[in-house]
PDB file of N, CA and C in Angstrom:
ATOM      1  N   MET A   1      50.540  60.009  27.680  1.00  0.00           N
ATOM      2  CA  MET A   1      49.496  61.196  27.028  1.00  0.00           C
ATOM      3  C   MET A   1      50.246  62.141  26.219  1.00  0.00           C
ATOM      4  N   LEU A   2      49.798  62.562  25.219  1.00  0.00           N
ATOM      5  CA  LEU A   2      50.152  63.688  24.427  1.00  0.00           C
ATOM      6  C   LEU A   2      49.269  64.417  24.327  1.00  0.00           C
ATOM      7  N   ASN A   3      48.814  65.620  23.972  1.00  0.00           N
ATOM      8  CA  ASN A   3      48.203  66.691  24.092  1.00  0.00           C
ATOM      9  C   ASN A   3      48.505  67.853  22.852  1.00  0.00           C
ATOM     10  N   ARG A   4      47.860  68.266  22.190  1.00  0.00           N
ATOM     11  CA  ARG A   4      47.569  69.259  21.093  1.00  0.00           C
ATOM     12  C   ARG A   4      46.938  70.399  21.104  1.00  0.00           C
ATOM     13  N   SER A   5      46.359  71.742  20.953  1.00  0.00           N
ATOM     14  CA  SER A   5      45.679  72.292  20.680  1.00  0.00           C
ATOM     15  C   SER A   5      45.948  73.282  19.678  1.00  0.00           C
ATOM     16  N   ILE A   6      44.644  74.073  18.607  1.00  0.00           N
ATOM     17  CA  ILE A   6      44.611  75.040  17.699  1.00  0.00           C
ATOM     18  C   ILE A   6      43.440  76.018  17.943  1.00  0.00           C
ATOM     19  N   LEU A   7      43.609  77.415  17.528  1.00  0.00           N
ATOM     20  CA  LEU A   7      42.531  78.062  17.848  1.00  0.00           C
ATOM     21  C   LEU A   7      42.313  78.421  16.673  1.00  0.00           C
ATOM     22  N   VAL A   8      40.695  78.299  16.318  1.00  0.00           N
ATOM     23  CA  VAL A   8      40.446  78.797  14.851  1.00  0.00           C
ATOM     24  C   VAL A   8      39.000  79.719  15.140  1.00  0.00           C
ATOM     25  N   LYS A   9      38.584  79.730  13.841  1.00  0.00           N
ATOM     26  CA  LYS A   9      37.403  81.121  13.769  1.00  0.00           C
ATOM     27  C   LYS A   9      36.084  80.352  13.305  1.00  0.00           C
ATOM     28  N   ASN A  10      36.094  79.096  13.220  1.00  0.00           N
ATOM     29  CA  ASN A  10      34.929  78.134  12.189  1.00  0.00           C
ATOM     30  C   ASN A  10      33.977  78.084  13.752  1.00  0.00           C
ATOM     31  N   SER A  11      32.857  78.204  13.310  1.00  0.00           N
ATOM     32  CA  SER A  11      32.049  77.951  14.438  1.00  0.00           C
ATOM     33  C   SER A  11      31.727  76.286  14.797  1.00  0.00           C
ATOM     34  N   LEU A  12      30.943  75.890  15.639  1.00  0.00           N
ATOM     35  CA  LEU A  12      31.181  74.907  16.096  1.00  0.00           C
ATOM     36  C   LEU A  12      30.633  73.673  15.360  1.00  0.00           C
ATOM     37  N   GLU A  13      29.981  73.680  15.093  1.00  0.00           N
ATOM     38  CA  GLU A  13      28.985  72.998  13.914  1.00  0.00           C
ATOM     39  C   GLU A  13      29.916  72.655  12.800  1.00  0.00           C
ATOM     40  N   GLU A  14      30.597  73.639  11.851  1.00  0.00           N
ATOM     41  CA  GLU A  14      31.496  73.324  10.751  1.00  0.00           C
ATOM     42  C   GLU A  14      32.812  72.565  11.046  1.00  0.00           C
ATOM     43  N   THR A  15      33.586  73.201  12.373  1.00  0.00           N
ATOM     44  CA  THR A  15      34.319  72.496  12.914  1.00  0.00           C
ATOM     45  C   THR A  15      34.214  71.034  12.933  1.00  0.00           C
ATOM     46  N   GLU A  16      33.476  70.983  13.497  1.00  0.00           N
ATOM     47  CA  GLU A  16      33.369  69.101  13.913  1.00  0.00           C
ATOM     48  C   GLU A  16      32.671  68.657  12.363  1.00  0.00           C
ATOM     49  N   LEU A  17      32.319  69.148  11.832  1.00  0.00           N
ATOM     50  CA  LEU A  17      31.883  68.277  10.371  1.00  0.00           C
ATOM     51  C   LEU A  17      33.038  67.988   9.606  1.00  0.00           C
ATOM     52  N   ILE A  18      34.055  69.208   9.898  1.00  0.00           N
ATOM     53  CA  ILE A  18      35.428  69.312   9.147  1.00  0.00           C
ATOM     54  C   ILE A  18      36.312  68.065   9.278  1.00  0.00           C
ATOM     55  N   LEU A  19      36.024  67.691  11.014  1.00  0.00           N
ATOM     56  CA  LEU A  19      37.165  66.519  11.781  1.00  0.00           C
ATOM     57  C   LEU A  19      36.247  65.523  11.355  1.00  0.00           C
ATOM     58  N   LYS A  20      34.691  65.902  11.298  1.00  0.00           N
ATOM     59  CA  LYS A  20      34.269  64.340  10.709  1.00  0.00           C
ATOM     60  C   LYS A  20      34.762  63.974   9.884  1.00  0.00           C
ATOM     61  N   GLU A  21      34.475  64.519   8.364  1.00  0.00           N
ATOM     62  CA  GLU A  21      35.938  64.794   7.118  1.00  0.00           C
ATOM     63  C   GLU A  21      37.133  64.292   7.188  1.00  0.00           C
ATOM     64  N   LEU A  22      37.882  64.943   8.335  1.00  0.00           N
ATOM     65  CA  LEU A  22      39.027  64.825   7.820  1.00  0.00           C
ATOM     66  C   LEU A  22      39.452  63.409   8.891  1.00  0.00           C
ATOM     67  N   ILE A  23      39.058  63.114   9.498  1.00  0.00           N
ATOM     68  CA  ILE A  23      39.774  62.215  10.621  1.00  0.00           C
ATOM     69  C   ILE A  23      39.652  60.784   9.723  1.00  0.00           C
ATOM     70  N   PRO A  24      38.905  60.166   8.976  1.00  0.00           N
ATOM     71  CA  PRO A  24      38.800  58.913   8.001  1.00  0.00           C
ATOM     72  C   PRO A  24      39.993  59.129   6.911  1.00  0.00           C
ATOM     73  N   THR A  25      40.530  60.380   6.686  1.00  0.00           N
ATOM     74  CA  THR A  25      41.577  60.462   5.303  1.00  0.00           C
ATOM     75  C   THR A  25      42.894  60.424   6.124  1.00  0.00           C
ATOM     76  N   ILE A  26      43.260  60.020   7.456  1.00  0.00           N
ATOM     77  CA  ILE A  26      44.602  60.220   7.800  1.00  0.00           C
ATOM     78  C   ILE A  26      44.025  59.053   8.447  1.00  0.00           C
ATOM     79  N   ASN A  27      43.395  57.712   7.892  1.00  0.00           N
ATOM     80  CA  ASN A  27      43.562  56.459   8.055  1.00  0.00           C
ATOM     81  C   ASN A  27      42.929  56.470  10.056  1.00  0.00           C
ATOM     82  N   GLY A  28      41.971  57.085  10.346  1.00  0.00           N
ATOM     83  CA  GLY A  28      41.941  56.972  11.770  1.00  0.00           C
ATOM     84  C   GLY A  28      40.284  56.760  11.661  1.00  0.00           C
ATOM     85  N   LYS A  29      39.496  55.958  12.750  1.00  0.00           N
ATOM     86  CA  LYS A  29      38.604  55.368  12.537  1.00  0.00           C
ATOM     87  C   LYS A  29      37.330  55.699  14.065  1.00  0.00           C
ATOM     88  N   ILE A  30      36.798  56.535  13.474  1.00  0.00           N
ATOM     89  CA  ILE A  30      35.776  57.408  14.388  1.00  0.00           C
ATOM     90  C   ILE A  30      34.628  56.117  15.152  1.00  0.00           C
ATOM     91  N   LYS A  31      35.036  56.530  16.778  1.00  0.00           N
ATOM     92  CA  LYS A  31      34.192  55.287  17.531  1.00  0.00           C
ATOM     93  C   LYS A  31      33.010  55.982  17.833  1.00  0.00           C
ATOM     94  N   ASN A  32      33.011  57.085  18.566  1.00  0.00           N
ATOM     95  CA  ASN A  32      32.310  57.550  19.481  1.00  0.00           C
ATOM     96  C   ASN A  32      32.099  59.423  19.317  1.00  0.00           C
ATOM     97  N   ILE A  33      30.704  59.822  19.095  1.00  0.00           N
ATOM     98  CA  ILE A  33      30.534  61.112  18.882  1.00  0.00           C
ATOM     99  C   ILE A  33      29.496  61.811  19.728  1.00  0.00           C
ATOM    100  N   SER A  34      30.098  62.703  20.626  1.00  0.00           N
ATOM    101  CA  SER A  34      29.116  63.752  21.584  1.00  0.00           C
ATOM    102  C   SER A  34      28.468  64.713  21.322  1.00  0.00           C
ATOM    103  N   ASP A  35      27.526  65.134  20.411  1.00  0.00           N
ATOM    104  CA  ASP A  35      27.145  66.041  19.849  1.00  0.00           C
ATOM    105  C   ASP A  35      26.863  66.885  21.300  1.00  0.00           C
ATOM    106  N   GLU A  36      26.467  66.362  22.730  1.00  0.00           N
ATOM    107  CA  GLU A  36      26.194  67.281  23.595  1.00  0.00           C
ATOM    108  C   GLU A  36      27.785  68.147  23.961  1.00  0.00           C
ATOM    109  N   GLU A  37      28.862  67.117  23.667  1.00  0.00           N
ATOM    110  CA  GLU A  37      30.229  67.596  24.287  1.00  0.00           C
ATOM    111  C   GLU A  37      30.816  68.527  23.715  1.00  0.00           C
ATOM    112  N   TYR A  38      30.618  67.948  22.114  1.00  0.00           N
ATOM    113  CA  TYR A  38      31.523  68.456  20.651  1.00  0.00           C
ATOM    114  C   TYR A  38      32.914  67.835  21.206  1.00  0.00           C
ATOM    115  N   SER A  39      32.652  65.940  21.164  1.00  0.00           N
ATOM    116  CA  SER A  39      34.038  65.280  21.352  1.00  0.00           C
ATOM    117  C   SER A  39      33.648  64.512  20.148  1.00  0.00           C
ATOM    118  N   ILE A  40      34.883  64.078  19.567  1.00  0.00           N
ATOM    119  CA  ILE A  40      35.388  62.854  19.116  1.00  0.00           C
ATOM    120  C   ILE A  40      36.219  62.077  19.563  1.00  0.00           C
ATOM    121  N   GLU A  41      35.442  60.387  19.935  1.00  0.00           N
ATOM    122  CA  GLU A  41      36.778  59.378  20.049  1.00  0.00           C
ATOM    123  C   GLU A  41      37.274  58.785  18.697  1.00  0.00           C
ATOM    124  N   TRP A  42      38.220  58.350  18.865  1.00  0.00           N
ATOM    125  CA  TRP A  42      38.548  58.007  17.528  1.00  0.00           C
ATOM    126  C   TRP A  42      39.986  57.189  17.895  1.00  0.00           C
ATOM    127  N   THR A  43      40.153  56.256  16.788  1.00  0.00           N
ATOM    128  CA  THR A  43      41.616  55.526  17.232  1.00  0.00           C
ATOM    129  C   THR A  43      42.233  55.981  15.723  1.00  0.00           C
ATOM    130  N   TYR A  44      43.331  55.785  15.796  1.00  0.00           N
ATOM    131  CA  TYR A  44      44.630  55.641  14.964  1.00  0.00           C
ATOM    132  C   TYR A  44      45.211  53.846  14.739  1.00  0.00           C
ATOM    133  N   LEU A  45      45.708  53.730  13.845  1.00  0.00           N
ATOM    134  CA  LEU A  45      46.227  52.891  13.516  1.00  0.00           C
ATOM    135  C   LEU A  45      47.761  53.101  13.185  1.00  0.00           C
ATOM    136  N   TYR A  46      49.187  52.584  13.980  1.00  0.00           N
ATOM    137  CA  TYR A  46      50.633  53.177  13.726  1.00  0.00           C
ATOM    138  C   TYR A  46      51.253  51.350  14.033  1.00  0.00           C
ATOM    139  N   GLY A  47      51.731  50.851  12.880  1.00  0.00           N
ATOM    140  CA  GLY A  47      52.293  49.804  12.925  1.00  0.00           C
ATOM    141  C   GLY A  47      51.139  48.262  13.763  1.00  0.00           C
ATOM    142  N   LEU A  48      51.554  48.208  14.845  1.00  0.00           N
ATOM    143  CA  LEU A  48      50.984  47.127  15.011  1.00  0.00           C
ATOM    144  C   LEU A  48      49.801  47.639  16.304  1.00  0.00           C
ATOM    145  N   GLN A  49      50.181  48.857  16.411  1.00  0.00           N
ATOM    146  CA  GLN A  49      49.249  49.454  17.848  1.00  0.00           C
ATOM    147  C   GLN A  49      47.811  50.772  17.226  1.00  0.00           C
ATOM    148  N   THR A  50      47.202  50.362  18.148  1.00  0.00           N
ATOM    149  CA  THR A  50      46.369  50.814  18.101  1.00  0.00           C
ATOM    150  C   THR A  50      46.433  52.124  18.989  1.00  0.00           C
ATOM    151  N   ILE A  51      46.189  53.137  18.419  1.00  0.00           N
ATOM    152  CA  ILE A  51      46.449  54.449  19.364  1.00  0.00           C
ATOM    153  C   ILE A  51      45.009  55.326  19.777  1.00  0.00           C
ATOM    154  N   PHE A  52      44.548  55.495  20.895  1.00  0.00           N
ATOM    155  CA  PHE A  52      43.526  55.692  21.148  1.00  0.00           C
ATOM    156  C   PHE A  52      43.460  57.381  21.097  1.00  0.00           C
ATOM    157  N   CYS A  53      42.420  58.326  20.873  1.00  0.00           N
ATOM    158  CA  CYS A  53      42.668  59.621  20.523  1.00  0.00           C
ATOM    159  C   CYS A  53      41.133  60.117  20.729  1.00  0.00           C
ATOM    160  N   GLU A  54      41.205  61.676  21.414  1.00  0.00           N
ATOM    161  CA  GLU A  54      40.108  62.055  21.553  1.00  0.00           C
ATOM    162  C   GLU A  54      40.232  63.470  21.394  1.00  0.00           C
ATOM    163  N   THR A  55      39.536  64.087  20.521  1.00  0.00           N
ATOM    164  CA  THR A  55      39.238  65.359  20.099  1.00  0.00           C
ATOM    165  C   THR A  55      38.336  66.358  20.346  1.00  0.00           C
ATOM    166  N   LYS A  56      38.181  67.182  21.423  1.00  0.00           N
ATOM    167  CA  LYS A  56      36.850  68.319  21.793  1.00  0.00           C
ATOM    168  C   LYS A  56      37.344  69.497  21.371  1.00  0.00           C
ATOM    169  N   LEU A  57      36.246  70.512  21.330  1.00  0.00           N
ATOM    170  CA  LEU A  57      35.841  71.414  20.579  1.00  0.00           C
ATOM    171  C   LEU A  57      35.411  72.135  21.726  1.00  0.00           C
ATOM    172  N   ILE A  58      36.033  73.047  21.890  1.00  0.00           N
ATOM    173  CA  ILE A  58      36.011  74.066  23.229  1.00  0.00           C
ATOM    174  C   ILE A  58      35.824  75.438  23.168  1.00  0.00           C
ATOM    175  N   PRO A  59      34.347  76.244  22.977  1.00  0.00           N
ATOM    176  CA  PRO A  59      34.016  77.382  22.671  1.00  0.00           C
ATOM    177  C   PRO A  59      34.819  78.508  23.599  1.00  0.00           C
ATOM    178  N   ASN A  60      35.807  79.948  22.882  1.00  0.00           N
ATOM    179  CA  ASN A  60      36.689  80.283  23.432  1.00  0.00           C
ATOM    180  C   ASN A  60      36.249  81.302  22.965  1.00  0.00           C
ATOM    181  N   LYS A  61      35.974  83.085  23.478  1.00  0.00           N
ATOM    182  CA  LYS A  61      36.076  84.373  23.379  1.00  0.00           C
ATOM    183  C   LYS A  61      36.808  83.976  21.824  1.00  0.00           C
ATOM    184  N   LYS A  62      37.865  83.810  21.779  1.00  0.00           N
ATOM    185  CA  LYS A  62      38.448  83.908  20.377  1.00  0.00           C
ATOM    186  C   LYS A  62      38.045  83.077  19.607  1.00  0.00           C
ATOM    187  N   GLY A  63      37.355  82.318  19.820  1.00  0.00           N
ATOM    188  CA  GLY A  63      37.389  81.391  19.038  1.00  0.00           C
ATOM    189  C   GLY A  63      37.090  79.759  19.402  1.00  0.00           C
ATOM    190  N   ILE A  64      37.195  78.957  18.297  1.00  0.00           N
ATOM    191  CA  ILE A  64      36.850  77.453  18.653  1.00  0.00           C
ATOM    192  C   ILE A  64      38.253  77.050  19.060  1.00  0.00           C
ATOM    193  N   GLU A  65      38.492  76.143  20.442  1.00  0.00           N
ATOM    194  CA  GLU A  65      39.936  75.630  20.290  1.00  0.00           C
ATOM    195  C   GLU A  65      39.715  74.206  20.153  1.00  0.00           C
ATOM    196  N   ILE A  66      40.507  73.483  19.571  1.00  0.00           N
ATOM    197  CA  ILE A  66      40.470  72.237  18.962  1.00  0.00           C
ATOM    198  C   ILE A  66      41.149  71.511  19.778  1.00  0.00           C
ATOM    199  N   PHE A  67      41.185  70.801  21.008  1.00  0.00           N
ATOM    200  CA  PHE A  67      42.141  69.752  21.903  1.00  0.00           C
ATOM    201  C   PHE A  67      41.959  68.679  21.367  1.00  0.00           C
ATOM    202  N   SER A  68      43.307  68.367  21.130  1.00  0.00           N
ATOM    203  CA  SER A  68      43.275  66.781  20.861  1.00  0.00           C
ATOM    204  C   SER A  68      44.493  65.708  22.202  1.00  0.00           C
ATOM    205  N   THR A  69      44.052  64.653  22.333  1.00  0.00           N
ATOM    206  CA  THR A  69      44.783  63.894  23.107  1.00  0.00           C
ATOM    207  C   THR A  69      45.260  62.768  22.297  1.00  0.00           C
ATOM    208  N   ALA A  70      46.010  62.074  22.758  1.00  0.00           N
ATOM    209  CA  ALA A  70      46.521  60.661  22.047  1.00  0.00           C
ATOM    210  C   ALA A  70      47.279  59.915  23.044  1.00  0.00           C
ATOM    211  N   ASN A  71      46.766  58.897  23.151  1.00  0.00           N
ATOM    212  CA  ASN A  71      47.317  57.911  24.231  1.00  0.00           C
ATOM    213  C   ASN A  71      47.906  56.690  23.277  1.00  0.00           C
ATOM    214  N   SER A  72      49.521  56.074  23.373  1.00  0.00           N
ATOM    215  CA  SER A  72      50.181  55.025  22.533  1.00  0.00           C
ATOM    216  C   SER A  72      50.371  54.261  24.028  1.00  0.00           C
ATOM    217  N   ASP A  73      50.977  52.810  23.716  1.00  0.00           N
ATOM    218  CA  ASP A  73      51.711  52.114  24.477  1.00  0.00           C
ATOM    219  C   ASP A  73      53.251  52.131  24.638  1.00  0.00           C
ATOM    220  N   ASP A  74      53.840  52.569  23.292  1.00  0.00           N
ATOM    221  CA  ASP A  74      55.292  52.695  23.098  1.00  0.00           C
ATOM    222  C   ASP A  74      55.740  53.769  24.290  1.00  0.00           C
ATOM    223  N   ILE A  75      57.099  53.460  24.755  1.00  0.00           N
ATOM    224  CA  ILE A  75      57.422  54.344  25.811  1.00  0.00           C
ATOM    225  C   ILE A  75      58.221  55.880  25.791  1.00  0.00           C
ATOM    226  N   TYR A  76      58.133  55.686  23.993  1.00  0.00           N
ATOM    227  CA  TYR A  76      58.087  57.306  23.482  1.00  0.00           C
ATOM    228  C   TYR A  76      57.224  57.803  23.060  1.00  0.00           C
ATOM    229  N   LYS A  77      55.918  57.410  23.279  1.00  0.00           N
ATOM    230  CA  LYS A  77      54.783  58.073  22.683  1.00  0.00           C
ATOM    231  C   LYS A  77      54.617  57.971  21.158  1.00  0.00           C
ATOM    232  N   THR A  78      55.477  57.563  20.336  1.00  0.00           N
ATOM    233  CA  THR A  78      55.947  57.455  18.663  1.00  0.00           C
ATOM    234  C   THR A  78      54.323  57.695  17.811  1.00  0.00           C
ATOM    235  N   GLY A  79      53.845  56.819  18.622  1.00  0.00           N
ATOM    236  CA  GLY A  79      52.454  56.112  17.920  1.00  0.00           C
ATOM    237  C   GLY A  79      51.375  57.613  18.065  1.00  0.00           C
ATOM    238  N   ALA A  80      51.672  57.916  19.247  1.00  0.00           N
ATOM    239  CA  ALA A  80      50.502  58.999  19.515  1.00  0.00           C
ATOM    240  C   ALA A  80      51.096  60.652  19.539  1.00  0.00           C
ATOM    241  N   GLU A  81      52.792  60.697  18.829  1.00  0.00           N
ATOM    242  CA  GLU A  81      52.914  61.948  18.155  1.00  0.00           C
ATOM    243  C   GLU A  81      52.410  61.696  16.936  1.00  0.00           C
ATOM    244  N   LYS A  82      52.545  60.629  16.101  1.00  0.00           N
ATOM    245  CA  LYS A  82      52.316  60.444  14.879  1.00  0.00           C
ATOM    246  C   LYS A  82      50.577  60.790  14.650  1.00  0.00           C
ATOM    247  N   ALA A  83      49.991  60.279  15.357  1.00  0.00           N
ATOM    248  CA  ALA A  83      48.501  60.222  15.441  1.00  0.00           C
ATOM    249  C   ALA A  83      48.297  62.238  14.853  1.00  0.00           C
ATOM    250  N   LEU A  84      48.676  62.762  16.136  1.00  0.00           N
ATOM    251  CA  LEU A  84      48.192  64.142  16.796  1.00  0.00           C
ATOM    252  C   LEU A  84      48.593  64.841  14.923  1.00  0.00           C
ATOM    253  N   ASN A  85      50.035  64.642  14.643  1.00  0.00           N
ATOM    254  CA  ASN A  85      50.964  65.060  13.880  1.00  0.00           C
ATOM    255  C   ASN A  85      50.076  65.034  12.704  1.00  0.00           C
ATOM    256  N   GLU A  86      49.466  63.617  12.045  1.00  0.00           N
ATOM    257  CA  GLU A  86      48.539  63.422  10.797  1.00  0.00           C
ATOM    258  C   GLU A  86      47.716  64.492  11.042  1.00  0.00           C
ATOM    259  N   LEU A  87      46.920  64.543  12.013  1.00  0.00           N
ATOM    260  CA  LEU A  87      45.881  65.050  12.304  1.00  0.00           C
ATOM    261  C   LEU A  87      45.611  66.863  12.412  1.00  0.00           C
ATOM    262  N   TYR A  88      46.528  67.257  13.290  1.00  0.00           N
ATOM    263  CA  TYR A  88      47.229  69.084  12.800  1.00  0.00           C
ATOM    264  C   TYR A  88      47.724  69.179  11.391  1.00  0.00           C
ATOM    265  N   ASP A  89      48.688  68.516  10.754  1.00  0.00           N
ATOM    266  CA  ASP A  89      49.312  68.825   8.981  1.00  0.00           C
ATOM    267  C   ASP A  89      48.049  68.474   8.238  1.00  0.00           C
ATOM    268  N   SER A  90      46.674  68.042   9.041  1.00  0.00           N
ATOM    269  CA  SER A  90      45.940  67.937   7.409  1.00  0.00           C
ATOM    270  C   SER A  90      44.999  69.074   7.905  1.00  0.00           C
ATOM    271  N   LEU A  91      44.956  69.216   9.317  1.00  0.00           N
ATOM    272  CA  LEU A  91      44.255  70.405   9.807  1.00  0.00           C
ATOM    273  C   LEU A  91      44.517  72.222   8.802  1.00  0.00           C
ATOM    274  N   TYR A  92      46.152  72.325   8.805  1.00  0.00           N
ATOM    275  CA  TYR A  92      46.970  73.177   8.572  1.00  0.00           C
ATOM    276  C   TYR A  92      46.650  73.277   7.256  1.00  0.00           C
ATOM    277  N   ILE A  93      46.554  71.887   6.611  1.00  0.00           N
ATOM    278  CA  ILE A  93      46.405  72.375   4.747  1.00  0.00           C
ATOM    279  C   ILE A  93      44.969  72.380   4.207  1.00  0.00           C
ATOM    280  N   THR A  94      43.963  71.852   5.353  1.00  0.00           N
ATOM    281  CA  THR A  94      42.727  71.664   4.984  1.00  0.00           C
ATOM    282  C   THR A  94      42.494  73.671   4.315  1.00  0.00           C
ATOM    283  N   THR A  95      41.568  73.757   3.910  1.00  0.00           N
ATOM    284  CA  THR A  95      41.352  75.352   3.167  1.00  0.00           C
ATOM    285  C   THR A  95      40.016  75.771   3.644  1.00  0.00           C
ATOM    286  N   LYS A  96      38.959  74.742   4.281  1.00  0.00           N
ATOM    287  CA  LYS A  96      37.914  75.109   4.892  1.00  0.00           C
ATOM    288  C   LYS A  96      37.948  75.711   6.266  1.00  0.00           C
ATOM    289  N   LEU A  97      39.224  75.251   7.121  1.00  0.00           N
ATOM    290  CA  LEU A  97      39.457  75.828   8.236  1.00  0.00           C
ATOM    291  C   LEU A  97      40.257  77.471   8.506  1.00  0.00           C
ATOM    292  N   LYS A  98      39.488  78.290   9.195  1.00  0.00           N
ATOM    293  CA  LYS A  98      40.058  79.429   9.197  1.00  0.00           C
ATOM    294  C   LYS A  98      40.816  79.497  10.863  1.00  0.00           C
ATOM    295  N   SER A  99      42.134  79.359  10.330  1.00  0.00           N
ATOM    296  CA  SER A  99      42.867  79.771  12.007  1.00  0.00           C
ATOM    297  C   SER A  99      43.522  81.120  11.754  1.00  0.00           C
ATOM    298  N   PHE A 100      44.228  80.698  13.495  1.00  0.00           N
ATOM    299  CA  PHE A 100      44.438  82.779  13.664  1.00  0.00           C
ATOM    300  C   PHE A 100      46.090  82.286  13.005  1.00  0.00           C
ATOM    301  N   GLU A 101      46.364  81.220  13.332  1.00  0.00           N
ATOM    302  CA  GLU A 101      47.896  80.982  13.758  1.00  0.00           C
ATOM    303  C   GLU A 101      48.317  80.942  11.949  1.00  0.00           C
ATOM    304  N   LYS A 102      47.138  80.848  10.370  1.00  0.00           N
ATOM    305  CA  LYS A 102      47.578  80.960   9.552  1.00  0.00           C
ATOM    306  C   LYS A 102      48.176  82.554   9.193  1.00  0.00           C
ATOM    307  N   GLU A 103      46.794  83.508   9.544  1.00  0.00           N
ATOM    308  CA  GLU A 103      46.955  84.944   9.586  1.00  0.00           C
ATOM    309  C   GLU A 103      48.498  85.128   9.715  1.00  0.00           C
ATOM    310  N   LYS A 104      48.582  84.840  10.974  1.00  0.00           N
ATOM    311  CA  LYS A 104      50.011  85.611  11.439  1.00  0.00           C
ATOM    312  C   LYS A 104      51.123  85.318  10.699  1.00  0.00           C
ATOM    313  N   LYS A 105      50.765  83.905   9.796  1.00  0.00           N
ATOM    314  CA  LYS A 105      52.327  83.876   9.255  1.00  0.00           C
ATOM    315  C   LYS A 105      52.364  84.310   8.033  1.00  0.00           C
ATOM    316  N   GLU A 106      51.419  84.614   7.542  1.00  0.00           N
ATOM    317  CA  GLU A 106      50.540  85.284   6.113  1.00  0.00           C
ATOM    318  C   GLU A 106      51.060  86.790   6.395  1.00  0.00           C
ATOM    319  N   LYS A 107      50.699  87.513   7.746  1.00  0.00           N
ATOM    320  CA  LYS A 107      51.132  88.647   7.995  1.00  0.00           C
ATOM    321  C   LYS A 107      52.424  88.753   8.212  1.00  0.00           C
ATOM    322  N   LYS A 108      53.443  88.318   8.948  1.00  0.00           N
ATOM    323  CA  LYS A 108      54.802  88.161   9.073  1.00  0.00           C
ATOM    324  C   LYS A 108      55.748  88.087   7.795  1.00  0.00           C
ATOM    325  N   GLN A 109      54.704  87.215   6.702  1.00  0.00           N
ATOM    326  CA  GLN A 109      55.865  86.883   5.813  1.00  0.00           C
ATOM    327  C   GLN A 109      55.696  88.552   4.684  1.00  0.00           C
ATOM    328  N   LYS A 110      54.719  89.121   5.126  1.00  0.00           N
ATOM    329  CA  LYS A 110      54.485  90.691   4.131  1.00  0.00           C
ATOM    330  C   LYS A 110      55.256  91.710   4.377  1.00  0.00           C
ATOM    331  N   GLN A 111      55.870  91.858   6.203  1.00  0.00           N
ATOM    332  CA  GLN A 111      56.201  92.515   6.687  1.00  0.00           C
ATOM    333  C   GLN A 111      57.550  92.728   5.951  1.00  0.00           C
ATOM    334  N   THR A 112      57.957  94.549   5.586  1.00  0.00           N
ATOM    335  CA  THR A 112      59.565  94.677   5.139  1.00  0.00           C
ATOM    336  C   THR A 112      59.603  96.036   5.946  1.00  0.00           C
ATOM    337  N   PHE A 113      61.443  95.650   5.836  1.00  0.00           N
ATOM    338  CA  PHE A 113      62.098  97.201   6.658  1.00  0.00           C
ATOM    339  C   PHE A 113      63.124  97.461   5.435  1.00  0.00           C
ATOM    340  N   GLN A 114      63.366  99.114   5.668  1.00  0.00           N
ATOM    341  CA  GLN A 114      64.109  99.713   5.300  1.00  0.00           C
ATOM    342  C   GLN A 114      65.582  99.661   5.642  1.00  0.00           C
ATOM    343  N   SER A 115      66.727  99.268   5.075  1.00  0.00           N
ATOM    344  CA  SER A 115      68.168  99.373   6.084  1.00  0.00           C
ATOM    345  C   SER A 115      68.694 101.056   5.698  1.00  0.00           C
ATOM    346  N   ASN A 116      69.814 101.292   5.864  1.00  0.00           N
ATOM    347  CA  ASN A 116      70.480 102.096   5.896  1.00  0.00           C
ATOM    348  C   ASN A 116      70.576 103.013   4.120  1.00  0.00           C
ATOM    349  N   ASN A 117      70.954 101.868   3.682  1.00  0.00           N
ATOM    350  CA  ASN A 117      71.199 102.025   2.326  1.00  0.00           C
ATOM    351  C   ASN A 117      69.942 102.200   1.114  1.00  0.00           C
ATOM    352  N   LYS A 118      68.843 102.244   1.928  1.00  0.00           N
ATOM    353  CA  LYS A 118      67.207 102.736   1.518  1.00  0.00           C
ATOM    354  C   LYS A 118      66.637 101.397   0.447  1.00  0.00           C
ATOM    355  N   THR A 119      67.364 100.385   0.803  1.00  0.00           N
ATOM    356  CA  THR A 119      66.804  99.128   0.215  1.00  0.00           C
ATOM    357  C   THR A 119      65.863  98.446   1.116  1.00  0.00           C
ATOM    358  N   ASN A 120      64.730  98.099   0.229  1.00  0.00           N
ATOM    359  CA  ASN A 120      63.570  97.714   1.395  1.00  0.00           C
ATOM    360  C   ASN A 120      64.072  95.913   0.902  1.00  0.00           C
ATOM    361  N   TYR A 121      64.116  95.285   2.314  1.00  0.00           N
ATOM    362  CA  TYR A 121      63.952  93.816   2.796  1.00  0.00           C
ATOM    363  C   TYR A 121      62.388  92.898   3.235  1.00  0.00           C
ATOM    364  N   LYS A 122      62.585  92.232   2.858  1.00  0.00           N
ATOM    365  CA  LYS A 122      61.401  91.274   3.485  1.00  0.00           C
ATOM    366  C   LYS A 122      61.810  90.389   4.814  1.00  0.00           C
ATOM    367  N   LEU A 123      61.198  90.068   6.185  1.00  0.00           N
ATOM    368  CA  LEU A 123      61.194  89.310   6.909  1.00  0.00           C
ATOM    369  C   LEU A 123      60.853  88.322   6.247  1.00  0.00           C
TER     370      LEU A 123
END
């Protein structure tokens, strides 16, 4: 079983709606949605394997944590890794999602420093 998570600033309802729209676009099939627990059970087809996945939304002081697990039959968990990679790559690409990690990357790119010869370099 593999796990992955990301912290976002969106509301629970907004994040759940984004996930409901996103999972079918990566060829996932939603099997069960629990509005009380804010969890989505879904499957992903990898070759001939059916990967069983669950994504939970966990409220946090800083925002909402999107926590996903995936389980596959193969020994190297390749199918589970592929399912989570597809989901989280799509989450990073979507413009509707307000991620803390996106902000960190943008701030890091804007940093500059000055060398001894008074030339500005970007990091």
